[in-house]
Amino acid sequence: MNIVSKKIESTKSTPEITMNPDGFICIKGRSMNANMAEFFKQIDDWFDLYISTPADETCFDIFLEYLDTTNLNFYISVLKKAELIKLKNKKYIINWYYEEGDEDIVEKGEDISSILNIPFNFIMLHEHNEKTALNLSEYLPGV
């Protein structure tokens, strides 16, 4: 089956998701809705297809302004599947971006990394303003 790129626009309570079969997956925004099963299902379904024929290198770029604790299991579930990429002799990298001083987001990333025993690259964004929070193009090529 041929997999296509998918982009889900952000809302006030859900992040923007960009998923590209060339190995680029970006999650940015707020993840704060406790009832996000349908939202997460479409991401999970796409990722299940992607895992069957992943790119040589998959890059997860995650920048969350807010992450509700009730959503942690989804991120754990999806990132756990990254290990399946490794089993296909492919590489993956997880970049966890956070704003300077945002210890809550850092701790949640560290928790997920620890639970999965998968190393994350923690990357601090030094400037905080509306543009940085909503547009990562200056930090992430291809966004």
N, C-alpha and C. Protein backbone atom coordinates (compact mmCIF):
# COMPACT_ATOMS: atom_id res chain seq x y z
N MET A 1 0.83 -1.18 0.00
CA MET A 1 0.00 0.00 0.00
C MET A 1 0.88 1.25 0.00
N ASN A 2 0.53 2.20 -0.83
CA ASN A 2 1.29 3.43 -0.95
C ASN A 2 0.79 4.43 0.09
N ILE A 3 1.69 4.89 0.93
CA ILE A 3 1.31 5.83 1.99
C ILE A 3 1.56 7.25 1.52
N VAL A 4 0.66 8.15 1.88
CA VAL A 4 0.76 9.55 1.47
C VAL A 4 0.97 10.43 2.70
N SER A 5 1.45 11.62 2.45
CA SER A 5 1.62 12.60 3.54
C SER A 5 0.26 12.95 4.13
N LYS A 6 0.30 13.30 5.40
CA LYS A 6 -0.93 13.70 6.08
C LYS A 6 -0.62 14.88 6.98
N LYS A 7 -1.50 15.86 6.94
CA LYS A 7 -1.36 17.02 7.82
C LYS A 7 -2.69 17.26 8.51
N ILE A 8 -2.62 17.41 9.82
CA ILE A 8 -3.80 17.71 10.61
C ILE A 8 -3.57 19.08 11.22
N GLU A 9 -4.45 20.00 10.93
CA GLU A 9 -4.31 21.36 11.44
C GLU A 9 -4.57 21.40 12.94
N SER A 10 -3.92 22.33 13.61
CA SER A 10 -4.09 22.47 15.05
C SER A 10 -5.42 23.15 15.37
N THR A 11 -5.85 22.94 16.60
CA THR A 11 -7.00 23.66 17.15
C THR A 11 -6.53 24.27 18.47
N LYS A 12 -7.44 24.83 19.23
CA LYS A 12 -7.07 25.39 20.53
C LYS A 12 -6.57 24.32 21.49
N SER A 13 -7.02 23.07 21.27
CA SER A 13 -6.67 22.01 22.22
C SER A 13 -5.94 20.82 21.61
N THR A 14 -5.70 20.85 20.30
CA THR A 14 -4.99 19.74 19.65
C THR A 14 -3.80 20.28 18.86
N PRO A 15 -2.73 19.50 18.79
CA PRO A 15 -1.55 19.96 18.06
C PRO A 15 -1.69 19.80 16.55
N GLU A 16 -0.85 20.53 15.84
CA GLU A 16 -0.72 20.31 14.40
C GLU A 16 0.18 19.09 14.23
N ILE A 17 -0.21 18.22 13.32
CA ILE A 17 0.56 17.01 13.05
C ILE A 17 0.89 16.98 11.56
N THR A 18 2.17 16.81 11.25
CA THR A 18 2.61 16.63 9.87
C THR A 18 3.31 15.29 9.80
N MET A 19 2.85 14.42 8.92
CA MET A 19 3.44 13.09 8.78
C MET A 19 3.77 12.87 7.32
N ASN A 20 5.03 12.63 7.05
CA ASN A 20 5.51 12.49 5.69
C ASN A 20 6.16 11.12 5.52
N PRO A 21 5.81 10.38 4.48
CA PRO A 21 6.39 9.05 4.29
C PRO A 21 7.90 9.07 4.03
N ASP A 22 8.47 10.27 3.79
CA ASP A 22 9.91 10.39 3.63
C ASP A 22 10.64 10.37 4.97
N GLY A 23 9.88 10.23 6.07
CA GLY A 23 10.51 10.07 7.37
C GLY A 23 10.45 11.29 8.27
N PHE A 24 9.58 12.23 7.97
CA PHE A 24 9.46 13.42 8.80
C PHE A 24 8.11 13.43 9.49
N ILE A 25 8.13 13.45 10.82
CA ILE A 25 6.90 13.51 11.60
C ILE A 25 7.06 14.65 12.60
N CYS A 26 6.17 15.61 12.52
CA CYS A 26 6.25 16.79 13.38
C CYS A 26 4.94 16.95 14.14
N ILE A 27 5.08 17.15 15.44
CA ILE A 27 3.93 17.41 16.31
C ILE A 27 4.22 18.72 17.01
N LYS A 28 3.33 19.71 16.84
CA LYS A 28 3.57 20.99 17.50
C LYS A 28 2.26 21.64 17.90
N GLY A 29 2.28 22.24 19.08
CA GLY A 29 1.11 22.95 19.56
C GLY A 29 0.72 22.50 20.95
N ARG A 30 -0.58 22.46 21.19
CA ARG A 30 -1.12 22.10 22.50
C ARG A 30 -1.84 20.76 22.42
N SER A 31 -1.59 19.93 23.40
CA SER A 31 -2.27 18.65 23.49
C SER A 31 -2.97 18.63 24.84
N MET A 32 -4.19 19.17 24.86
CA MET A 32 -4.84 19.39 26.13
C MET A 32 -6.26 18.88 26.24
N ASN A 33 -6.74 18.22 25.24
CA ASN A 33 -8.10 17.72 25.28
C ASN A 33 -8.11 16.30 25.85
N ALA A 34 -8.87 16.08 26.88
CA ALA A 34 -8.92 14.77 27.52
C ALA A 34 -9.66 13.74 26.67
N ASN A 35 -10.46 14.19 25.71
CA ASN A 35 -11.24 13.28 24.89
C ASN A 35 -10.74 13.34 23.44
N MET A 36 -9.57 12.76 23.20
CA MET A 36 -8.94 12.88 21.89
C MET A 36 -8.79 11.54 21.17
N ALA A 37 -9.59 10.56 21.52
CA ALA A 37 -9.44 9.22 20.95
C ALA A 37 -9.50 9.24 19.42
N GLU A 38 -10.47 9.92 18.84
CA GLU A 38 -10.61 9.94 17.38
C GLU A 38 -9.45 10.69 16.73
N PHE A 39 -9.02 11.78 17.34
CA PHE A 39 -7.88 12.54 16.84
C PHE A 39 -6.64 11.65 16.80
N PHE A 40 -6.37 10.95 17.89
CA PHE A 40 -5.19 10.10 17.97
C PHE A 40 -5.29 8.88 17.06
N LYS A 41 -6.51 8.39 16.83
CA LYS A 41 -6.68 7.19 16.00
C LYS A 41 -6.18 7.43 14.58
N GLN A 42 -6.46 8.58 14.01
CA GLN A 42 -6.01 8.84 12.64
C GLN A 42 -4.48 8.91 12.55
N ILE A 43 -3.83 9.38 13.61
CA ILE A 43 -2.38 9.41 13.65
C ILE A 43 -1.83 8.00 13.81
N ASP A 44 -2.42 7.26 14.71
CA ASP A 44 -2.02 5.88 14.96
C ASP A 44 -2.19 5.03 13.70
N ASP A 45 -3.29 5.20 13.00
CA ASP A 45 -3.55 4.44 11.76
C ASP A 45 -2.50 4.76 10.70
N TRP A 46 -2.18 6.05 10.52
CA TRP A 46 -1.16 6.44 9.54
C TRP A 46 0.19 5.83 9.92
N PHE A 47 0.52 5.91 11.18
CA PHE A 47 1.82 5.41 11.63
C PHE A 47 1.92 3.89 11.46
N ASP A 48 0.83 3.18 11.68
CA ASP A 48 0.83 1.72 11.46
C ASP A 48 1.16 1.41 10.00
N LEU A 49 0.64 2.18 9.06
CA LEU A 49 0.97 1.99 7.64
C LEU A 49 2.43 2.35 7.38
N TYR A 50 2.87 3.44 7.96
CA TYR A 50 4.24 3.91 7.76
C TYR A 50 5.26 2.87 8.22
N ILE A 51 5.01 2.24 9.33
CA ILE A 51 5.95 1.27 9.90
C ILE A 51 6.20 0.09 8.95
N SER A 52 5.23 -0.23 8.10
CA SER A 52 5.42 -1.35 7.18
C SER A 52 6.55 -1.09 6.18
N THR A 53 6.74 0.16 5.79
CA THR A 53 7.83 0.53 4.88
C THR A 53 8.40 1.89 5.27
N PRO A 54 9.10 1.96 6.39
CA PRO A 54 9.61 3.26 6.85
C PRO A 54 10.77 3.76 5.98
N ALA A 55 11.00 5.05 6.06
CA ALA A 55 12.15 5.66 5.39
C ALA A 55 13.43 5.14 6.07
N ASP A 56 14.57 5.35 5.42
CA ASP A 56 15.84 4.91 6.01
C ASP A 56 16.09 5.57 7.36
N GLU A 57 15.64 6.82 7.49
CA GLU A 57 15.74 7.52 8.77
C GLU A 57 14.44 8.27 9.02
N THR A 58 13.92 8.09 10.21
CA THR A 58 12.68 8.77 10.60
C THR A 58 13.01 9.77 11.69
N CYS A 59 12.54 10.98 11.51
CA CYS A 59 12.79 12.05 12.47
C CYS A 59 11.46 12.52 13.06
N PHE A 60 11.34 12.38 14.37
CA PHE A 60 10.19 12.90 15.10
C PHE A 60 10.61 14.24 15.69
N ASP A 61 9.96 15.30 15.30
CA ASP A 61 10.20 16.61 15.88
C ASP A 61 8.95 16.98 16.67
N ILE A 62 9.12 17.06 17.99
CA ILE A 62 7.98 17.29 18.87
C ILE A 62 8.18 18.59 19.64
N PHE A 63 7.25 19.52 19.43
CA PHE A 63 7.27 20.78 20.16
C PHE A 63 5.87 21.00 20.70
N LEU A 64 5.71 20.76 21.99
CA LEU A 64 4.41 20.93 22.62
C LEU A 64 4.47 22.10 23.60
N GLU A 65 3.57 23.03 23.41
CA GLU A 65 3.46 24.15 24.34
C GLU A 65 2.85 23.67 25.65
N TYR A 66 1.95 22.70 25.52
CA TYR A 66 1.27 22.15 26.69
C TYR A 66 0.93 20.70 26.39
N LEU A 67 1.12 19.84 27.36
CA LEU A 67 0.81 18.42 27.22
C LEU A 67 0.04 17.98 28.46
N ASP A 68 -1.25 17.73 28.27
CA ASP A 68 -2.09 17.26 29.36
C ASP A 68 -1.67 15.84 29.73
N THR A 69 -1.60 15.57 31.00
CA THR A 69 -1.18 14.26 31.48
C THR A 69 -2.05 13.15 30.91
N THR A 70 -3.33 13.43 30.65
CA THR A 70 -4.22 12.39 30.11
C THR A 70 -3.83 11.98 28.69
N ASN A 71 -3.02 12.78 28.01
CA ASN A 71 -2.59 12.46 26.65
C ASN A 71 -1.26 11.71 26.59
N LEU A 72 -0.59 11.56 27.71
CA LEU A 72 0.73 10.92 27.73
C LEU A 72 0.71 9.53 27.12
N ASN A 73 -0.32 8.74 27.40
CA ASN A 73 -0.36 7.37 26.89
C ASN A 73 -0.33 7.31 25.37
N PHE A 74 -0.95 8.28 24.72
CA PHE A 74 -0.91 8.31 23.26
C PHE A 74 0.53 8.48 22.77
N TYR A 75 1.24 9.44 23.33
CA TYR A 75 2.61 9.69 22.90
C TYR A 75 3.50 8.49 23.21
N ILE A 76 3.27 7.86 24.33
CA ILE A 76 4.01 6.64 24.67
C ILE A 76 3.72 5.56 23.65
N SER A 77 2.46 5.38 23.29
CA SER A 77 2.07 4.35 22.33
C SER A 77 2.71 4.56 20.96
N VAL A 78 2.62 5.77 20.44
CA VAL A 78 3.17 6.06 19.11
C VAL A 78 4.69 5.94 19.11
N LEU A 79 5.33 6.52 20.11
CA LEU A 79 6.80 6.49 20.13
C LEU A 79 7.34 5.09 20.44
N LYS A 80 6.55 4.28 21.11
CA LYS A 80 6.95 2.89 21.34
C LYS A 80 7.06 2.15 20.00
N LYS A 81 6.18 2.51 19.09
CA LYS A 81 6.20 1.89 17.76
C LYS A 81 7.46 2.25 16.98
N ALA A 82 8.16 3.30 17.41
CA ALA A 82 9.41 3.67 16.75
C ALA A 82 10.41 2.53 16.82
N GLU A 83 10.34 1.73 17.87
CA GLU A 83 11.23 0.58 17.98
C GLU A 83 11.03 -0.39 16.82
N LEU A 84 9.82 -0.46 16.27
CA LEU A 84 9.56 -1.33 15.13
C LEU A 84 10.32 -0.86 13.89
N ILE A 85 10.57 0.44 13.81
CA ILE A 85 11.38 0.98 12.72
C ILE A 85 12.79 0.41 12.83
N LYS A 86 13.29 0.39 14.04
CA LYS A 86 14.65 -0.12 14.29
C LYS A 86 14.75 -1.61 13.91
N LEU A 87 13.67 -2.36 14.15
CA LEU A 87 13.68 -3.78 13.82
C LEU A 87 13.75 -4.02 12.31
N LYS A 88 13.43 -3.01 11.53
CA LYS A 88 13.54 -3.10 10.07
C LYS A 88 14.88 -2.57 9.59
N ASN A 89 15.84 -2.47 10.52
CA ASN A 89 17.19 -1.98 10.22
C ASN A 89 17.18 -0.55 9.67
N LYS A 90 16.26 0.25 10.19
CA LYS A 90 16.18 1.66 9.84
C LYS A 90 16.48 2.46 11.10
N LYS A 91 16.76 3.73 10.93
CA LYS A 91 17.09 4.59 12.07
C LYS A 91 15.95 5.54 12.37
N TYR A 92 15.92 5.98 13.62
CA TYR A 92 14.98 7.03 14.00
C TYR A 92 15.62 7.92 15.05
N ILE A 93 15.11 9.13 15.10
CA ILE A 93 15.59 10.12 16.07
C ILE A 93 14.37 10.86 16.60
N ILE A 94 14.40 11.16 17.89
CA ILE A 94 13.30 11.89 18.51
C ILE A 94 13.86 13.18 19.09
N ASN A 95 13.42 14.30 18.53
CA ASN A 95 13.80 15.62 19.02
C ASN A 95 12.63 16.20 19.81
N TRP A 96 12.87 16.50 21.07
CA TRP A 96 11.85 17.05 21.95
C TRP A 96 12.21 18.50 22.23
N TYR A 97 11.49 19.42 21.60
CA TYR A 97 11.76 20.85 21.73
C TYR A 97 10.97 21.43 22.90
N TYR A 98 11.57 22.37 23.57
CA TYR A 98 10.88 23.03 24.68
C TYR A 98 11.39 24.46 24.81
N GLU A 99 10.52 25.28 25.36
CA GLU A 99 10.89 26.67 25.57
C GLU A 99 11.71 26.80 26.84
N GLU A 100 12.64 27.71 26.82
CA GLU A 100 13.49 27.97 27.98
C GLU A 100 12.61 28.19 29.21
N GLY A 101 12.91 27.44 30.27
CA GLY A 101 12.18 27.57 31.52
C GLY A 101 10.94 26.69 31.64
N ASP A 102 10.60 25.96 30.59
CA ASP A 102 9.39 25.12 30.63
C ASP A 102 9.74 23.73 31.16
N GLU A 103 9.94 23.66 32.47
CA GLU A 103 10.34 22.40 33.10
C GLU A 103 9.27 21.33 33.00
N ASP A 104 8.00 21.72 32.97
CA ASP A 104 6.92 20.74 32.88
C ASP A 104 7.02 19.92 31.59
N ILE A 105 7.22 20.60 30.47
CA ILE A 105 7.34 19.89 29.18
C ILE A 105 8.61 19.05 29.16
N VAL A 106 9.70 19.55 29.71
CA VAL A 106 10.94 18.77 29.78
C VAL A 106 10.71 17.49 30.58
N GLU A 107 10.08 17.63 31.74
CA GLU A 107 9.84 16.46 32.60
C GLU A 107 8.94 15.43 31.92
N LYS A 108 7.93 15.89 31.20
CA LYS A 108 7.06 14.94 30.50
C LYS A 108 7.83 14.22 29.40
N GLY A 109 8.69 14.93 28.68
CA GLY A 109 9.53 14.28 27.68
C GLY A 109 10.48 13.28 28.32
N GLU A 110 11.08 13.68 29.44
CA GLU A 110 11.99 12.76 30.15
C GLU A 110 11.25 11.53 30.65
N ASP A 111 10.01 11.72 31.11
CA ASP A 111 9.21 10.58 31.56
C ASP A 111 8.95 9.61 30.42
N ILE A 112 8.55 10.13 29.27
CA ILE A 112 8.27 9.26 28.12
C ILE A 112 9.55 8.55 27.69
N SER A 113 10.64 9.28 27.60
CA SER A 113 11.93 8.70 27.23
C SER A 113 12.32 7.57 28.18
N SER A 114 12.13 7.81 29.47
CA SER A 114 12.49 6.83 30.49
C SER A 114 11.59 5.60 30.45
N ILE A 115 10.29 5.82 30.32
CA ILE A 115 9.34 4.70 30.25
C ILE A 115 9.67 3.79 29.08
N LEU A 116 9.98 4.40 27.94
CA LEU A 116 10.25 3.62 26.72
C LEU A 116 11.70 3.17 26.60
N ASN A 117 12.56 3.73 27.44
CA ASN A 117 13.99 3.47 27.34
C ASN A 117 14.51 3.81 25.94
N ILE A 118 14.06 4.95 25.45
CA ILE A 118 14.46 5.47 24.14
C ILE A 118 15.08 6.85 24.37
N PRO A 119 16.27 7.08 23.86
CA PRO A 119 16.88 8.40 24.05
C PRO A 119 16.19 9.48 23.21
N PHE A 120 15.98 10.62 23.81
CA PHE A 120 15.44 11.80 23.13
C PHE A 120 16.55 12.84 23.06
N ASN A 121 16.52 13.66 22.05
CA ASN A 121 17.35 14.86 22.01
C ASN A 121 16.49 15.99 22.55
N PHE A 122 16.89 16.56 23.67
CA PHE A 122 16.15 17.68 24.26
C PHE A 122 16.79 18.97 23.76
N ILE A 123 15.97 19.79 23.09
CA ILE A 123 16.47 20.98 22.44
C ILE A 123 15.71 22.19 22.96
N MET A 124 16.44 23.07 23.64
CA MET A 124 15.82 24.25 24.22
C MET A 124 15.74 25.37 23.18
N LEU A 125 14.56 25.95 23.09
CA LEU A 125 14.35 27.12 22.25
C LEU A 125 14.53 28.34 23.14
N HIS A 126 15.46 29.21 22.79
CA HIS A 126 15.82 30.31 23.68
C HIS A 126 14.86 31.49 23.65
N GLU A 127 14.25 31.74 22.54
CA GLU A 127 13.34 32.88 22.46
C GLU A 127 11.92 32.40 22.63
N HIS A 128 11.14 33.14 23.39
CA HIS A 128 9.73 32.82 23.51
C HIS A 128 8.91 34.00 23.02
N ASN A 129 8.19 33.74 21.98
CA ASN A 129 7.22 34.72 21.52
C ASN A 129 6.16 33.97 20.73
N GLU A 130 5.11 34.64 20.34
CA GLU A 130 4.01 33.99 19.64
C GLU A 130 4.49 33.30 18.37
N LYS A 131 5.38 33.94 17.63
CA LYS A 131 5.83 33.37 16.37
C LYS A 131 6.59 32.07 16.61
N THR A 132 7.48 32.05 17.59
CA THR A 132 8.24 30.84 17.88
C THR A 132 7.32 29.73 18.32
N ALA A 133 6.35 30.05 19.15
CA ALA A 133 5.46 29.03 19.67
C ALA A 133 4.62 28.40 18.56
N LEU A 134 4.31 29.17 17.54
CA LEU A 134 3.42 28.66 16.51
C LEU A 134 4.14 28.27 15.22
N ASN A 135 5.38 28.72 15.02
CA ASN A 135 6.07 28.47 13.77
C ASN A 135 7.50 28.03 14.06
N LEU A 136 7.79 26.79 13.78
CA LEU A 136 9.12 26.26 14.05
C LEU A 136 10.04 26.32 12.84
N SER A 137 9.62 27.00 11.78
CA SER A 137 10.40 26.96 10.54
C SER A 137 11.83 27.43 10.73
N GLU A 138 12.06 28.31 11.69
CA GLU A 138 13.43 28.77 11.91
C GLU A 138 14.28 27.71 12.59
N TYR A 139 13.63 26.73 13.22
CA TYR A 139 14.36 25.67 13.94
C TYR A 139 14.36 24.35 13.19
N LEU A 140 13.30 24.09 12.45
CA LEU A 140 13.13 22.80 11.81
C LEU A 140 13.08 22.95 10.30
N PRO A 141 14.06 22.41 9.61
CA PRO A 141 14.00 22.48 8.15
C PRO A 141 12.81 21.67 7.64
N GLY A 142 12.15 22.19 6.65
CA GLY A 142 11.05 21.45 6.05
C GLY A 142 9.71 21.65 6.73
N VAL A 143 9.65 22.48 7.76
CA VAL A 143 8.37 22.70 8.44
C VAL A 143 7.70 23.93 7.86
